Amino acid sequence: MEEIKVVKFYPFEVPYRNYKLVGYADVQIGDLLIIKSVKLMRNRYGGLYVQMPDIYKDNRSYPIVEVLSKELLEGIRRKVVDHYNSLF
């Protein structure tokens, strides 16, 4: 699997629907790909998860990026959460 790293992280906490948006991250996967605006969210129980970028049109959410590999998605989540925890 390719190396995953957080290139930039934009921390802030604001209410976002029923969850809290903790910040945005730009994630680089090897030398192949950069995914911008990955959302780091806090659920109502305090856990952290990532949400891939999407757009809204006609009151619907349409994904821009879909990660098909559970291992890759978990790797992205771990890197973003670890980076966030190292900041605070």
Protein backbone atom coordinates (compact mmCIF):
# COMPACT_ATOMS: atom_id res chain seq x y z
CA MET A 1 0.00 0.00 0.00
CA GLU A 2 1.17 3.53 -0.77
CA GLU A 3 2.39 5.92 1.91
CA ILE A 4 -0.32 8.21 3.27
CA LYS A 5 0.47 11.63 4.75
CA VAL A 6 -1.39 14.76 5.74
CA VAL A 7 -0.09 17.66 3.64
CA LYS A 8 -2.17 20.42 5.28
CA PHE A 9 -4.71 20.52 8.06
CA TYR A 10 -7.16 23.34 8.70
CA PRO A 11 -8.51 22.95 12.27
CA PHE A 12 -11.72 24.53 13.52
CA GLU A 13 -14.85 23.29 15.23
CA VAL A 14 -18.30 24.28 14.07
CA PRO A 15 -21.69 22.59 14.18
CA TYR A 16 -22.40 20.76 10.93
CA ARG A 17 -25.86 19.25 10.79
CA ASN A 18 -26.02 16.85 13.76
CA TYR A 19 -22.23 16.46 13.93
CA LYS A 20 -19.24 18.68 14.54
CA LEU A 21 -16.86 19.57 11.76
CA VAL A 22 -13.41 19.49 13.38
CA GLY A 23 -11.40 20.51 10.33
CA TYR A 24 -10.34 19.87 6.76
CA ALA A 25 -7.27 17.93 5.63
CA ASP A 26 -5.38 17.60 2.37
CA VAL A 27 -4.12 14.01 2.16
CA GLN A 28 -1.37 12.75 -0.17
CA ILE A 29 -1.24 9.10 -1.20
CA GLY A 30 2.27 8.23 -2.35
CA ASP A 31 3.37 10.30 -5.31
CA LEU A 32 0.13 9.52 -7.08
CA LEU A 33 -2.71 11.53 -5.64
CA ILE A 34 -3.73 14.41 -3.36
CA ILE A 35 -7.25 14.46 -1.98
CA LYS A 36 -8.22 17.97 -0.86
CA SER A 37 -10.89 18.91 1.66
CA VAL A 38 -11.25 15.62 3.51
CA LYS A 39 -13.55 16.44 6.44
CA LEU A 40 -12.67 15.33 9.95
CA MET A 41 -15.93 14.96 11.86
CA ARG A 42 -16.81 14.25 15.50
CA ASN A 43 -19.90 12.12 16.10
CA ARG A 44 -22.28 12.65 18.98
CA TYR A 45 -20.41 10.08 21.10
CA GLY A 46 -17.07 11.90 20.69
CA GLY A 47 -15.50 9.57 18.11
CA LEU A 48 -13.68 10.93 15.06
CA TYR A 49 -14.18 9.85 11.46
CA VAL A 50 -13.39 11.18 8.00
CA GLN A 51 -15.76 12.10 5.23
CA MET A 52 -14.55 12.29 1.65
CA PRO A 53 -15.18 15.48 -0.35
CA ASP A 54 -18.63 15.92 -1.85
CA ILE A 55 -20.74 18.61 -3.50
CA TYR A 56 -24.33 19.61 -2.92
CA LYS A 57 -26.75 20.17 -5.75
CA ASP A 58 -30.53 20.20 -5.55
CA ASN A 59 -30.39 19.47 -1.78
CA ARG A 60 -28.49 16.20 -2.41
CA SER A 61 -24.92 15.21 -1.68
CA TYR A 62 -22.84 13.83 -4.55
CA PRO A 63 -19.46 12.24 -3.74
CA ILE A 64 -16.41 13.56 -5.58
CA VAL A 65 -14.04 10.90 -4.22
CA GLU A 66 -14.95 7.32 -3.31
CA VAL A 67 -12.41 5.08 -1.62
CA LEU A 68 -13.12 1.48 -2.58
CA SER A 69 -10.51 -0.13 -0.32
CA LYS A 70 -11.41 -0.38 3.38
CA GLU A 71 -7.69 -0.59 4.20
CA LEU A 72 -6.95 2.67 2.37
CA LEU A 73 -9.90 4.44 3.99
CA GLU A 74 -8.81 3.25 7.44
CA GLY A 75 -5.25 4.37 6.70
CA ILE A 76 -6.48 7.84 5.72
CA ARG A 77 -8.63 8.03 8.85
CA ARG A 78 -5.75 7.01 11.10
CA LYS A 79 -3.35 9.53 9.58
CA VAL A 80 -5.81 12.43 9.79
CA VAL A 81 -6.90 11.61 13.35
CA ASP A 82 -3.28 11.11 14.50
CA HIS A 83 -2.31 14.42 12.92
CA TYR A 84 -5.23 16.18 14.63
CA ASN A 85 -4.35 14.61 18.00
CA SER A 86 -0.70 15.69 17.64
CA LEU A 87 -1.85 19.31 17.26
CA PHE A 88 -3.85 19.38 20.50
